Protein backbone atom coordinates (compact mmCIF):
# COMPACT_ATOMS: atom_id res chain seq x y z
CA UNK A 1 -91.88 -1.75 159.45
CA UNK A 2 -92.91 -3.97 156.55
CA UNK A 3 -93.86 -7.53 157.50
CA UNK A 4 -94.93 -10.78 155.86
CA UNK A 5 -94.40 -14.49 156.25
CA UNK A 6 -94.79 -17.93 154.75
CA UNK A 7 -96.23 -20.44 157.21
CA UNK A 8 -95.53 -24.18 157.14
CA UNK A 9 -97.69 -26.89 158.65
CA UNK A 10 -95.62 -26.74 161.85
CA UNK A 11 -96.00 -22.95 162.06
CA UNK A 12 -92.43 -22.04 161.06
CA UNK A 13 -92.31 -18.48 159.69
CA UNK A 14 -89.70 -16.57 157.71
CA UNK A 15 -90.07 -12.78 157.95
CA UNK A 16 -88.21 -9.75 156.62
CA UNK A 17 -88.35 -6.33 158.33
CA UNK A 18 -86.87 -2.88 157.76
CA UNK A 19 -87.86 0.77 158.38
CA UNK A 20 -90.57 2.23 156.17
CA UNK A 21 -88.48 5.37 155.52
CA UNK A 22 -84.85 6.45 155.95
CA UNK A 23 -82.78 9.53 155.04
CA UNK A 24 -79.97 9.64 152.51
CA UNK A 25 -76.76 8.83 154.36
CA UNK A 26 -78.58 7.07 157.22
CA UNK A 27 -77.60 3.56 158.31
CA UNK A 28 -80.29 1.03 159.18
CA UNK A 29 -80.92 -2.68 159.78
CA UNK A 30 -82.47 -5.15 157.39
CA UNK A 31 -83.42 -8.33 159.31
CA UNK A 32 -84.65 -11.77 158.28
CA UNK A 33 -86.11 -13.87 161.11
CA UNK A 34 -86.93 -17.59 160.94
CA UNK A 35 -88.67 -19.29 163.86
CA UNK A 36 -86.49 -22.40 164.03
CA UNK A 37 -82.78 -23.09 164.37
CA UNK A 38 -82.82 -25.98 161.93
CA UNK A 39 -81.93 -23.80 158.91
CA UNK A 40 -79.46 -23.77 156.04
CA UNK A 41 -78.85 -22.24 152.61
CA UNK A 42 -79.83 -18.63 153.39
CA UNK A 43 -79.75 -16.62 150.16
CA UNK A 44 -80.91 -13.18 149.06
CA UNK A 45 -80.92 -11.54 145.60
CA UNK A 46 -78.74 -8.50 145.01
CA UNK A 47 -79.73 -5.51 147.19
CA UNK A 48 -80.09 -2.52 144.86
CA UNK A 49 -80.27 1.14 145.87
CA UNK A 50 -78.31 0.73 149.12
CA UNK A 51 -74.72 0.24 150.18
CA UNK A 52 -74.20 -2.97 152.17
CA UNK A 53 -71.95 -1.99 155.09
CA UNK A 54 -72.17 -5.32 156.91
CA UNK A 55 -73.83 -8.70 156.65
CA UNK A 56 -75.29 -11.06 156.65
CA UNK A 57 -74.52 -11.83 160.30
CA UNK A 58 -76.59 -14.44 162.14
CA UNK A 59 -77.65 -14.75 165.77
CA UNK A 60 -79.64 -17.40 167.63
CA UNK A 61 -82.12 -16.88 170.46
CA UNK A 62 -84.02 -19.44 172.57
CA UNK A 63 -86.60 -19.16 175.34
CA UNK A 64 -88.58 -21.56 177.55
CA UNK A 65 -91.81 -20.88 179.45
CA UNK A 66 -93.61 -22.98 182.07
CA UNK A 67 -97.29 -22.02 182.48
CA UNK A 68 -99.53 -24.21 184.67
CA UNK A 69 -97.11 -27.09 184.26
CA UNK A 70 -97.06 -26.80 180.47
CA UNK A 71 -93.58 -26.29 179.06
CA UNK A 72 -93.27 -24.33 175.82
CA UNK A 73 -90.05 -23.38 174.08
CA UNK A 74 -89.20 -21.26 171.07
CA UNK A 75 -86.07 -20.54 169.09
CA UNK A 76 -85.25 -18.19 166.25
CA UNK A 77 -82.39 -17.31 163.95
CA UNK A 78 -81.97 -13.71 162.76
CA UNK A 79 -79.90 -12.76 159.71
CA UNK A 80 -78.95 -9.07 159.79
CA UNK A 81 -77.58 -6.59 157.25
CA UNK A 82 -76.43 -3.03 157.96
CA UNK A 83 -77.33 -0.87 154.95
CA UNK A 84 -76.90 2.79 154.07
CA UNK A 85 -79.26 4.77 151.86
CA UNK A 86 -77.49 6.51 149.00
CA UNK A 87 -80.15 7.93 146.67
CA UNK A 88 -83.61 9.43 147.04
CA UNK A 89 -86.49 7.26 145.87
CA UNK A 90 -88.62 4.25 146.69
CA UNK A 91 -86.93 0.85 146.65
CA UNK A 92 -88.04 -2.76 147.04
CA UNK A 93 -85.75 -5.37 148.55
CA UNK A 94 -86.87 -8.79 147.29
CA UNK A 95 -87.53 -11.73 149.59
CA UNK A 96 -84.74 -14.03 150.72
CA UNK A 97 -84.87 -17.83 150.57
CA UNK A 98 -83.91 -20.45 153.13
CA UNK A 99 -84.30 -24.15 153.87
CA UNK A 100 -86.02 -24.49 157.26
CA UNK A 101 -86.91 -27.87 158.78
CA UNK A 102 -86.15 -29.36 155.37
CA UNK A 103 -88.61 -27.10 153.56
CA UNK A 104 -87.80 -24.32 151.09
CA UNK A 105 -89.20 -20.96 152.26
CA UNK A 106 -89.24 -17.44 150.82
CA UNK A 107 -89.68 -14.32 152.96
CA UNK A 108 -91.73 -11.27 152.12
CA UNK A 109 -90.20 -8.35 150.24
CA UNK A 110 -89.85 -4.95 151.93
CA UNK A 111 -90.43 -1.45 150.56
CA UNK A 112 -88.29 1.42 151.80
CA UNK A 113 -88.70 5.11 150.99
CA UNK A 114 -85.43 7.11 150.96
CA UNK A 115 -85.90 10.78 151.86
CA UNK A 116 -83.55 13.63 150.94
CA UNK A 117 -81.42 15.27 153.59
CA UNK A 118 -82.57 18.44 155.31
CA UNK A 119 -81.94 21.49 153.17
CA UNK A 120 -81.34 23.73 156.17
CA UNK A 121 -79.66 21.24 158.50
CA UNK A 122 -76.69 18.99 158.97
CA UNK A 123 -78.22 16.16 156.98
CA UNK A 124 -79.77 13.81 159.57
CA UNK A 125 -83.35 13.78 160.64
CA UNK A 126 -82.48 15.87 163.67
CA UNK A 127 -80.32 18.35 161.85
CA UNK A 128 -81.14 22.01 162.24
CA UNK A 129 -83.26 21.67 165.40
CA UNK A 130 -83.34 24.63 167.71
CA UNK A 131 -81.58 24.33 171.08
CA UNK A 132 -83.42 27.27 172.65
CA UNK A 133 -86.30 27.09 175.07
CA UNK A 134 -88.85 27.80 172.35
CA UNK A 135 -90.33 25.50 169.73
CA UNK A 136 -91.07 27.00 166.35
CA UNK A 137 -94.02 26.15 164.13
CA UNK A 138 -91.52 24.57 161.74
CA UNK A 139 -90.27 22.16 164.42
CA UNK A 140 -93.72 20.95 165.54
CA UNK A 141 -97.09 21.23 163.81
CA UNK A 142 -100.28 19.23 163.25
CA UNK A 143 -102.08 18.91 159.94
CA UNK A 144 -105.81 18.39 159.42
CA UNK A 145 -105.97 16.63 156.06
CA UNK A 146 -109.18 15.90 154.13
CA UNK A 147 -109.23 13.32 151.35
CA UNK A 148 -111.68 15.48 149.30
CA UNK A 149 -112.66 19.14 149.38
CA UNK A 150 -115.58 18.83 146.94
CA UNK A 151 -118.21 16.15 147.58
CA UNK A 152 -121.92 15.39 147.20
CA UNK A 153 -124.38 15.26 150.06
CA UNK A 154 -123.87 12.02 152.05
CA UNK A 155 -120.64 11.25 150.16
CA UNK A 156 -117.99 9.92 152.56
CA UNK A 157 -114.55 11.48 152.90
CA UNK A 158 -111.73 11.11 155.42
CA UNK A 159 -110.39 13.68 157.87
CA UNK A 160 -106.94 12.89 159.30
CA UNK A 161 -105.09 14.63 162.13
CA UNK A 162 -101.36 14.05 161.66
CA UNK A 163 -98.50 15.15 163.93
CA UNK A 164 -95.20 16.37 162.45
CA UNK A 165 -92.30 16.85 164.86
CA UNK A 166 -88.54 17.19 164.93
CA UNK A 167 -88.50 16.82 168.72
CA UNK A 168 -88.29 13.25 169.98
CA UNK A 169 -89.54 13.86 173.54
CA UNK A 170 -93.05 15.28 173.41
CA UNK A 171 -96.36 14.54 175.12
CA UNK A 172 -99.96 15.42 174.30
CA UNK A 173 -101.45 17.15 177.34
CA UNK A 174 -104.90 17.89 175.92
CA UNK A 175 -106.77 17.86 172.63
CA UNK A 176 -110.06 19.56 171.74
CA UNK A 177 -111.57 18.46 168.45
CA UNK A 178 -114.45 20.23 166.64
CA UNK A 179 -118.02 18.94 166.83
CA UNK A 180 -118.23 18.52 163.02
CA UNK A 181 -121.39 20.59 162.68
CA UNK A 182 -123.22 19.72 159.47
CA UNK A 183 -121.56 16.29 159.23
CA UNK A 184 -122.34 12.81 160.46
CA UNK A 185 -119.00 11.53 161.79
CA UNK A 186 -117.60 8.12 162.62
CA UNK A 187 -114.10 7.59 163.97
CA UNK A 188 -111.77 5.08 162.34
CA UNK A 189 -110.42 2.75 165.00
CA UNK A 190 -106.66 3.11 165.27
CA UNK A 191 -104.48 0.01 165.61
CA UNK A 192 -102.80 -0.43 168.98
CA UNK A 193 -99.30 -0.31 167.50
CA UNK A 194 -99.39 3.22 166.03
CA UNK A 195 -95.85 3.97 164.96
CA UNK A 196 -93.75 6.98 164.06
CA UNK A 197 -92.31 7.12 160.56
CA UNK A 198 -90.22 9.71 158.75
CA UNK A 199 -91.50 12.06 156.06
CA UNK A 200 -89.92 14.86 154.05
CA UNK A 201 -91.97 18.07 154.23
CA UNK A 202 -90.98 21.53 152.97
CA UNK A 203 -87.32 20.60 152.68
CA UNK A 204 -87.06 19.07 156.16
CA UNK A 205 -87.44 15.59 157.63
CA UNK A 206 -89.98 14.95 160.39
CA UNK A 207 -91.19 12.15 162.61
CA UNK A 208 -94.89 11.71 161.79
CA UNK A 209 -97.81 9.74 163.17
CA UNK A 210 -101.56 9.73 162.63
CA UNK A 211 -103.30 10.94 165.80
CA UNK A 212 -106.96 10.29 164.85
CA UNK A 213 -109.05 9.72 161.72
CA UNK A 214 -112.74 10.29 160.99
CA UNK A 215 -115.06 9.43 158.12
CA UNK A 216 -117.44 12.35 157.57
CA UNK A 217 -120.79 12.33 155.75
CA UNK A 218 -122.07 15.86 154.90
CA UNK A 219 -125.74 16.20 155.79
CA UNK A 220 -126.51 19.34 153.75
CA UNK A 221 -125.33 21.10 150.63
CA UNK A 222 -123.38 24.34 150.48
CA UNK A 223 -120.04 25.45 151.84
CA UNK A 224 -119.42 23.67 155.16
CA UNK A 225 -116.52 24.27 157.52
CA UNK A 226 -114.51 22.01 159.79
CA UNK A 227 -113.51 24.19 162.73
CA UNK A 228 -109.91 24.26 164.03
CA UNK A 229 -108.75 21.60 166.47
CA UNK A 230 -106.75 22.70 169.52
CA UNK A 231 -103.80 20.73 170.92
CA UNK A 232 -101.80 21.35 174.08
CA UNK A 233 -98.33 19.81 173.74
CA UNK A 234 -95.44 19.46 176.21
CA UNK A 235 -91.92 19.20 174.82
CA UNK A 236 -89.08 18.19 177.13
CA UNK A 237 -85.91 19.78 175.87
CA UNK A 238 -82.33 20.00 177.17
CA UNK A 239 -80.88 23.51 177.59
CA UNK A 240 -77.35 24.56 178.39
CA UNK A 241 -76.67 25.74 181.96
CA UNK A 242 -74.02 28.13 183.24
CA UNK A 243 -74.16 26.57 186.71
CA UNK A 244 -70.82 24.77 187.41
CA UNK A 245 -72.62 22.14 189.49
CA UNK A 246 -74.83 21.31 186.52
CA UNK A 247 -71.76 21.17 184.34
CA UNK A 248 -70.18 18.64 186.71
CA UNK A 249 -73.17 16.46 187.58
CA UNK A 250 -75.48 16.81 184.55
CA UNK A 251 -73.04 17.43 181.73
CA UNK A 252 -73.88 21.14 181.67
CA UNK A 253 -77.54 20.81 180.66
CA UNK A 254 -80.97 20.83 182.26
CA UNK A 255 -84.29 19.52 180.95
CA UNK A 256 -87.15 21.99 180.71
CA UNK A 257 -90.81 21.44 179.84
CA UNK A 258 -91.99 23.71 177.03
CA UNK A 259 -95.74 24.04 176.56
CA UNK A 260 -96.99 24.78 173.08
CA UNK A 261 -100.53 25.34 171.81
CA UNK A 262 -101.18 24.21 168.26
CA UNK A 263 -104.32 24.93 166.23
CA UNK A 264 -105.14 23.41 162.88
CA UNK A 265 -106.52 25.73 160.18
CA UNK A 266 -110.22 25.98 159.40
CA UNK A 267 -111.10 23.73 156.47
CA UNK A 268 -113.77 24.52 153.86
CA UNK A 269 -115.62 21.67 152.14
CA UNK A 270 -117.82 22.33 149.11
CA UNK A 271 -120.88 20.07 149.26
CA UNK A 272 -122.87 19.75 146.04
CA UNK A 273 -126.58 18.88 146.29
CA UNK A 274 -127.74 15.62 144.77
CA UNK A 275 -128.99 16.15 141.19
CA UNK A 276 -132.66 16.82 140.57
CA UNK A 277 -134.95 14.09 139.31
CA UNK A 278 -134.72 11.70 142.24
CA UNK A 279 -136.53 8.49 141.23
CA UNK A 280 -139.44 7.00 143.18
CA UNK A 281 -138.22 4.84 146.01
CA UNK A 282 -135.04 6.89 146.54
CA UNK A 283 -133.57 5.67 149.83
CA UNK A 284 -131.11 8.46 150.51
CA UNK A 285 -128.28 6.06 149.70
CA UNK A 286 -125.08 7.52 148.26
CA UNK A 287 -122.35 5.12 147.20
CA UNK A 288 -122.35 1.80 145.34
CA UNK A 289 -124.93 -0.81 146.35
CA UNK A 290 -126.66 -4.05 145.40
CA UNK A 291 -129.90 -5.49 146.81
CA UNK A 292 -131.23 -9.02 147.16
CA UNK A 293 -134.31 -10.58 148.80
CA UNK A 294 -135.52 -13.91 150.16
CA UNK A 295 -138.67 -15.32 151.78
CA UNK A 296 -138.85 -18.03 154.43
CA UNK A 297 -141.78 -19.88 152.83
CA UNK A 298 -144.28 -19.56 149.99
CA UNK A 299 -146.63 -22.21 151.40
CA UNK A 300 -148.07 -21.23 154.80
CA UNK A 301 -151.23 -21.47 156.86
CA UNK A 302 -153.30 -18.67 158.31
CA UNK A 303 -151.66 -17.09 161.36
CA UNK A 304 -148.21 -18.48 160.44
CA UNK A 305 -145.47 -15.84 160.19
CA UNK A 306 -143.95 -14.89 156.83
CA UNK A 307 -140.51 -13.28 156.84
CA UNK A 308 -139.17 -11.37 153.85
CA UNK A 309 -135.48 -10.47 154.13
CA UNK A 310 -133.81 -7.67 152.17
CA UNK A 311 -130.02 -7.39 152.05
CA UNK A 312 -128.52 -4.09 150.86
CA UNK A 313 -124.78 -4.53 150.31
CA UNK A 314 -122.01 -2.22 149.17
CA UNK A 315 -120.07 0.84 150.28
CA UNK A 316 -121.38 4.26 151.22
CA UNK A 317 -123.71 5.69 153.85
CA UNK A 318 -125.25 2.31 154.64
CA UNK A 319 -126.45 3.14 158.14
CA UNK A 320 -128.21 6.29 156.92
CA UNK A 321 -130.24 4.55 154.22
CA UNK A 322 -133.98 4.47 154.98
CA UNK A 323 -135.68 1.06 154.94
CA UNK A 324 -137.56 0.34 151.69
CA UNK A 325 -141.31 -0.31 151.97
CA UNK A 326 -142.87 -3.66 151.12
CA UNK A 327 -146.49 -3.52 150.00
CA UNK A 328 -147.98 -6.55 151.75
CA UNK A 329 -151.60 -7.57 150.95
CA UNK A 330 -154.27 -5.86 153.04
CA UNK A 331 -155.22 -9.15 154.71
CA UNK A 332 -151.70 -9.42 156.23
CA UNK A 333 -150.91 -8.08 159.68
CA UNK A 334 -147.56 -6.30 159.29
CA UNK A 335 -144.98 -5.54 161.99
CA UNK A 336 -142.13 -3.02 162.12
CA UNK A 337 -139.02 -4.29 160.31
CA UNK A 338 -135.95 -5.51 162.20
CA UNK A 339 -132.68 -3.94 161.00
CA UNK A 340 -129.19 -5.37 161.45
CA UNK A 341 -126.22 -3.30 160.21
CA UNK A 342 -123.27 -5.61 159.56
CA UNK A 343 -120.76 -3.00 158.44
CA UNK A 344 -117.19 -1.90 158.95
CA UNK A 345 -115.73 1.56 158.51
CA UNK A 346 -113.38 2.21 155.58
CA UNK A 347 -111.96 5.30 153.92
CA UNK A 348 -114.76 5.12 151.32
CA UNK A 349 -117.49 4.93 153.95
CA UNK A 350 -119.32 2.01 155.53
CA UNK A 351 -118.74 -1.32 153.80
CA UNK A 352 -120.87 -4.39 154.40
CA UNK A 353 -124.58 -5.15 154.50
CA UNK A 354 -127.79 -3.69 155.89
CA UNK A 355 -130.10 -6.63 156.61
CA UNK A 356 -133.81 -5.82 156.97
CA UNK A 357 -136.37 -8.44 158.02
CA UNK A 358 -140.09 -7.80 157.51
CA UNK A 359 -142.57 -9.91 159.48
CA UNK A 360 -146.17 -10.34 158.32
CA UNK A 361 -148.97 -12.71 159.34
CA UNK A 362 -151.74 -13.72 156.86
CA UNK A 363 -155.17 -13.82 158.50
CA UNK A 364 -157.20 -15.33 155.64
CA UNK A 365 -156.65 -18.18 153.20
CA UNK A 366 -156.00 -17.57 149.54
CA UNK A 367 -153.32 -16.79 146.98
CA UNK A 368 -151.41 -13.53 147.44
CA UNK A 369 -148.69 -11.58 145.64
CA UNK A 370 -145.96 -9.76 147.55
CA UNK A 371 -144.55 -7.27 145.01
CA UNK A 372 -140.84 -6.73 144.58
CA UNK A 373 -139.06 -3.82 146.26
CA UNK A 374 -137.82 -0.82 144.26
CA UNK A 375 -134.55 0.51 145.62
CA UNK A 376 -132.96 3.70 144.22
CA UNK A 377 -129.66 5.30 145.18
CA UNK A 378 -127.14 7.84 143.89
CA UNK A 379 -124.12 6.10 142.35
CA UNK A 380 -121.01 8.04 143.30
CA UNK A 381 -118.86 6.73 140.43
CA UNK A 382 -121.23 7.46 137.55
CA UNK A 383 -122.72 10.48 139.38
CA UNK A 384 -126.21 9.33 138.45
CA UNK A 385 -129.23 7.68 140.05
CA UNK A 386 -129.65 3.94 139.75
CA UNK A 387 -132.75 1.86 140.45
CA UNK A 388 -132.73 -1.81 141.43
CA UNK A 389 -135.70 -4.12 141.94
CA UNK A 390 -136.13 -7.41 143.78
CA UNK A 391 -138.34 -10.30 142.64
CA UNK A 392 -141.99 -10.62 143.61
CA UNK A 393 -143.31 -13.60 145.57
CA UNK A 394 -146.56 -15.55 145.17
CA UNK A 395 -147.66 -16.98 148.52
CA UNK A 396 -150.31 -19.67 148.95
CA UNK A 397 -152.07 -19.42 152.30
CA UNK A 398 -154.15 -22.39 153.50
CA UNK A 399 -156.63 -22.40 156.33
CA UNK A 400 -155.17 -23.18 159.69
CA UNK A 401 -156.98 -24.82 162.61
CA UNK A 402 -160.44 -23.34 163.20
CA UNK A 403 -162.42 -20.86 161.11
CA UNK A 404 -160.02 -18.44 159.44
CA UNK A 405 -162.79 -15.86 159.10
CA UNK A 406 -163.30 -15.90 162.88
CA UNK A 407 -159.63 -16.32 163.78
CA UNK A 408 -159.50 -13.50 166.34
CA UNK A 409 -162.59 -14.82 168.12
CA UNK A 410 -161.19 -18.31 167.87
CA UNK A 411 -158.01 -17.20 169.68
CA UNK A 412 -160.08 -16.01 172.65
CA UNK A 413 -161.31 -19.60 173.11
CA UNK A 414 -157.75 -20.95 173.37
CA UNK A 415 -156.02 -21.12 176.70
CA UNK A 416 -152.69 -21.87 174.99
CA UNK A 417 -152.61 -18.76 172.76
CA UNK A 418 -150.12 -18.98 169.91
CA UNK A 419 -149.38 -15.80 167.94
CA UNK A 420 -150.33 -12.15 167.37
CA UNK A 421 -146.83 -10.92 168.22
CA UNK A 422 -147.29 -12.05 171.85
CA UNK A 423 -149.39 -8.95 172.48
CA UNK A 424 -152.68 -10.83 173.11
CA UNK A 425 -153.15 -12.97 176.21
CA UNK A 426 -155.99 -15.34 177.05
CA UNK A 427 -158.44 -13.89 179.55
CA UNK A 428 -159.86 -16.58 181.77
CA UNK A 429 -163.62 -16.20 182.11
CA UNK A 430 -165.09 -17.57 185.37
CA UNK A 431 -168.43 -17.01 187.03
CA UNK A 432 -168.35 -14.08 189.47
CA UNK A 433 -170.22 -14.21 192.78
CA UNK A 434 -171.50 -10.88 194.10
CA UNK A 435 -172.05 -10.03 197.78
CA UNK A 436 -174.39 -7.51 199.37
CA UNK A 437 -172.91 -4.07 199.99
CA UNK A 438 -171.05 -3.79 203.32
CA UNK A 439 -170.82 -7.55 204.00
CA UNK A 440 -167.82 -8.45 201.79
CA UNK A 441 -164.99 -9.97 204.00
CA UNK A 442 -165.67 -7.59 206.89
CA UNK A 443 -164.55 -9.15 210.18
CA UNK A 444 -163.19 -12.27 208.44
CA UNK A 445 -159.63 -13.64 208.73
CA UNK A 446 -158.94 -12.39 205.20
CA UNK A 447 -159.99 -8.92 206.28
CA UNK A 448 -157.47 -8.79 209.13
CA UNK A 449 -154.69 -10.39 207.12
CA UNK A 450 -155.19 -7.60 204.56
CA UNK A 451 -153.87 -5.16 207.22
CA UNK A 452 -151.41 -7.39 209.09
CA UNK A 453 -149.41 -8.72 206.14
CA UNK A 454 -148.46 -5.27 204.66
CA UNK A 455 -147.43 -4.04 208.13
CA UNK A 456 -145.29 -7.12 208.68
CA UNK A 457 -143.73 -6.77 205.21
CA UNK A 458 -142.88 -3.12 205.90
CA UNK A 459 -141.04 -4.05 209.13
CA UNK A 460 -139.03 -6.71 207.29
CA UNK A 461 -138.18 -4.18 204.55
CA UNK A 462 -136.81 -1.70 207.13
CA UNK A 463 -134.65 -4.40 208.76
CA UNK A 464 -133.27 -5.63 205.42
CA UNK A 465 -132.66 -2.06 204.18
CA UNK A 466 -130.62 -1.13 207.25
CA UNK A 467 -128.62 -4.33 207.08
CA UNK A 468 -127.89 -3.74 203.36
CA UNK A 469 -126.84 -0.15 204.02
CA UNK A 470 -124.46 -1.34 206.72
CA UNK A 471 -122.98 -3.98 204.42
CA UNK A 472 -122.56 -1.43 201.61
CA UNK A 473 -120.71 0.89 203.98
CA UNK A 474 -118.42 -1.97 204.97
CA UNK A 475 -117.82 -2.89 201.31
CA UNK A 476 -116.94 0.73 200.45
CA UNK A 477 -114.62 0.91 203.47
CA UNK A 478 -112.94 -2.38 202.54
CA UNK A 479 -112.58 -1.27 198.90
CA UNK A 480 -110.88 1.94 200.02
CA UNK A 481 -108.62 0.05 202.41
CA UNK A 482 -107.50 -2.43 199.75
CA UNK A 483 -106.97 0.19 197.01
CA UNK A 484 -103.21 0.31 197.49
CA UNK A 485 -102.92 -3.48 197.63
CA UNK A 486 -104.86 -3.86 194.37
CA UNK A 487 -102.79 -1.12 192.71
CA UNK A 488 -99.54 -2.79 193.84
CA UNK A 489 -100.67 -6.09 192.34
CA UNK A 490 -101.55 -4.39 189.05
CA UNK A 491 -98.22 -2.55 188.91
CA UNK A 492 -96.41 -5.88 189.38
CA UNK A 493 -98.22 -7.12 186.27
CA UNK A 494 -97.25 -3.88 184.48
CA UNK A 495 -93.63 -4.50 185.53
CA UNK A 496 -93.78 -7.95 183.99
CA UNK A 497 -95.16 -6.51 180.74
CA UNK A 498 -92.36 -3.93 180.84
CA UNK A 499 -89.70 -6.64 181.13
CA UNK A 500 -91.32 -8.51 178.22
CA UNK A 501 -91.34 -5.25 176.19
CA UNK A 502 -95.10 -5.56 175.51
CA UNK A 503 -95.57 -1.86 174.92
CA UNK A 504 -99.33 -1.49 174.33
CA UNK A 505 -100.33 -3.98 177.03
CA UNK A 506 -97.98 -2.20 179.47
CA UNK A 507 -99.49 1.25 178.91
CA UNK A 508 -103.04 -0.15 179.10
CA UNK A 509 -102.27 -1.83 182.43
CA UNK A 510 -100.69 1.32 183.92
CA UNK A 511 -103.71 3.42 182.87
CA UNK A 512 -106.09 0.86 184.41
CA UNK A 513 -104.02 0.94 187.60
CA UNK A 514 -104.06 4.73 187.93
CA UNK A 515 -107.79 5.09 187.23
CA UNK A 516 -108.66 1.99 189.26
CA UNK A 517 -106.66 3.18 192.29
CA UNK A 518 -108.39 6.58 192.38
CA UNK A 519 -111.78 4.91 191.81
CA UNK A 520 -111.24 2.54 194.76
CA UNK A 521 -109.72 5.20 196.99
CA UNK A 522 -112.51 7.73 196.43
CA UNK A 523 -115.20 5.03 196.18
CA UNK A 524 -116.38 6.50 192.86
CA UNK A 525 -116.99 4.29 189.77
CA UNK A 526 -114.43 4.78 186.99
CA UNK A 527 -117.30 5.61 184.62
CA UNK A 528 -117.99 8.76 186.66
CA UNK A 529 -114.36 9.93 186.69
CA UNK A 530 -112.75 12.06 184.00
CA UNK A 531 -109.84 14.43 183.64
CA UNK A 532 -112.34 17.27 183.85
CA UNK A 533 -113.74 16.34 187.27
CA UNK A 534 -110.99 14.34 188.96
CA UNK A 535 -109.17 17.50 190.04
CA UNK A 536 -112.22 18.63 192.02
CA UNK A 537 -112.78 15.16 193.50
CA UNK A 538 -109.18 14.91 194.74
CA UNK A 539 -109.26 18.46 196.10
CA UNK A 540 -112.40 17.62 198.10
CA UNK A 541 -110.50 14.75 199.72
CA UNK A 542 -107.66 16.97 200.90
CA UNK A 543 -105.08 16.33 198.14
CA UNK A 544 -102.82 19.33 197.51
CA UNK A 545 -102.65 21.06 194.14
CA UNK A 546 -99.09 19.96 193.38
CA UNK A 547 -99.89 16.26 193.86
CA UNK A 548 -103.10 16.59 191.79
CA UNK A 549 -101.06 18.08 188.97
CA UNK A 550 -98.49 15.29 189.32
CA UNK A 551 -101.24 12.64 189.05
CA UNK A 552 -102.76 14.27 185.94
CA UNK A 553 -99.29 14.50 184.38
CA UNK A 554 -98.81 10.77 185.03
CA UNK A 555 -102.08 10.04 183.19
CA UNK A 556 -101.16 12.30 180.25
CA UNK A 557 -97.66 10.91 180.03
CA UNK A 558 -98.94 7.34 179.96
CA UNK A 559 -101.55 8.09 177.28
CA UNK A 560 -99.14 9.76 174.89
CA UNK A 561 -95.86 7.94 175.61
CA UNK A 562 -96.88 5.03 173.40
CA UNK A 563 -97.01 7.38 170.40
CA UNK A 564 -93.86 9.39 171.22
CA UNK A 565 -90.77 8.82 169.06
CA UNK A 566 -87.43 8.06 170.65
CA UNK A 567 -86.24 5.36 173.07
CA UNK A 568 -89.31 3.22 173.89
CA UNK A 569 -87.66 1.36 176.78
CA UNK A 570 -86.61 4.60 178.43
CA UNK A 571 -90.14 6.04 178.06
CA UNK A 572 -91.72 2.89 179.55
CA UNK A 573 -89.29 2.92 182.50
CA UNK A 574 -90.11 6.56 183.18
CA UNK A 575 -93.91 5.98 183.03
CA UNK A 576 -93.58 3.00 185.38
CA UNK A 577 -91.48 4.81 188.00
CA UNK A 578 -93.59 7.99 187.95
CA UNK A 579 -96.83 5.98 188.30
CA UNK A 580 -95.50 4.01 191.28
CA UNK A 581 -94.30 7.23 192.90
CA UNK A 582 -97.58 9.14 192.48
CA UNK A 583 -99.64 6.22 193.86
CA UNK A 584 -97.35 6.10 196.91
CA UNK A 585 -97.81 9.82 197.52
CA UNK A 586 -101.60 9.59 197.05
CA UNK A 587 -101.83 6.83 199.67
CA UNK A 588 -100.67 9.25 202.36
CA UNK A 589 -102.64 12.26 201.09
CA UNK A 590 -106.25 11.23 200.45
CA UNK A 591 -108.40 11.89 203.49
CA UNK A 592 -111.78 10.36 204.29
């Protein structure tokens, strides 16, 4: 969908929405939603590129919530058109205008891509799909797409795994991605509302979604390869049945699960070495950068800390850049720099700033120069090296308390020691009294306490240890006993999210419930459970193979249902019922 809004002081919004892509001949909704019912004068410019079959029709909706005694209410008005796509191309429907709460508002515009009909089908997006119990490589495939196939060392590019399907009921059972040997990789965080859109590929229309994306930085030159990724998919597909009972009760069809293994092709990436003639001070940076510096003070006293801060900003391999060196005067005590990477991942690489703080302490009075920093990097746009330099600083250091030339000795005379990176502590010097050999404490009260106190402490330790072990056993037993109660409470919350149609929050809550229930029931932290070892853990506790498989299927179904095209409400209902059922069965199967 395409979204946008104009917000008034009282938070009234006016938003237009429509599908991102449709097929020629397909009907779809164009909606305009305003978050108040005090509206008038709704108007929209002429809609070009589509046939208007109906509209505008308006509907009003209101809701009231009471949370902790606070009453909140909301109301909206929705203006709806039914349109039909007539010609291939990309079209923009301009924003509509309305008077809401006495204020003139304009909605966002929406862009819609119109795809051609299937060349080998009946015309709709589902036309031409096979009805057999096999799924062809033309009905379901996954692409590994790289944004560039020729790059320089350390130059960022994007790898995208994208699913293309003509089947609306599919689930991802397992995925095995390559280890990206020869590349430094960082995954792009996907938004929680990943959606399916339509695309036209090789004469056919597909539902598509991005599964995962990575930004890769090649670490060496030459021809590097991205190995194939392996995907295990399950497609649920209706098939015709000759059984008369099926014909009567099920409309003559059954649903079968078809497993399909999909592998992406091996991808070659040509990595060019950085040009010769690297300048002095080359940091290993590849991208586009700027550098700035600052100092906390130019007037200090001996043993006061001086901090020089460098900020490298831009886009590229920011995290992989080595810290530039600052040539402090010999009389300065220098500490390792502190690095803070304030970056975010984009398709061009890491964008943001690398902040480096250098700490130094002058030990003698005088005037000193701290030279500027030379920073060199390879500019990806001009394909050449660039060198930047920061300003130099002149620092005036005055004598602090005491003799600066004897500052270390002076520190040893201070009980309240001040600096030296907190790695020097005052050593109290007292007179020591020596005793003749063999007479020290022997037979004294201190002598006997030296033996009695450790023995007494050991006895207390044993008592406390046993008590703690007993309490831990009781806690584990109570946790196991309450596992079903906790899971029931969580599933009630999931049911509420289901009724409110909060898709992502619903799936997250169901996943937490399933993993949390098994964690409590087996008394194993969730961090130590995975799909790879949970089968063995459940088997060790007497759960049969069929129920183990059913539990794993519930996990897989929940993880992938949010991405599956088709009826979202039906998918959520199915995930909810299957999760409740498998927890109920587990309760009677796990043995301790």
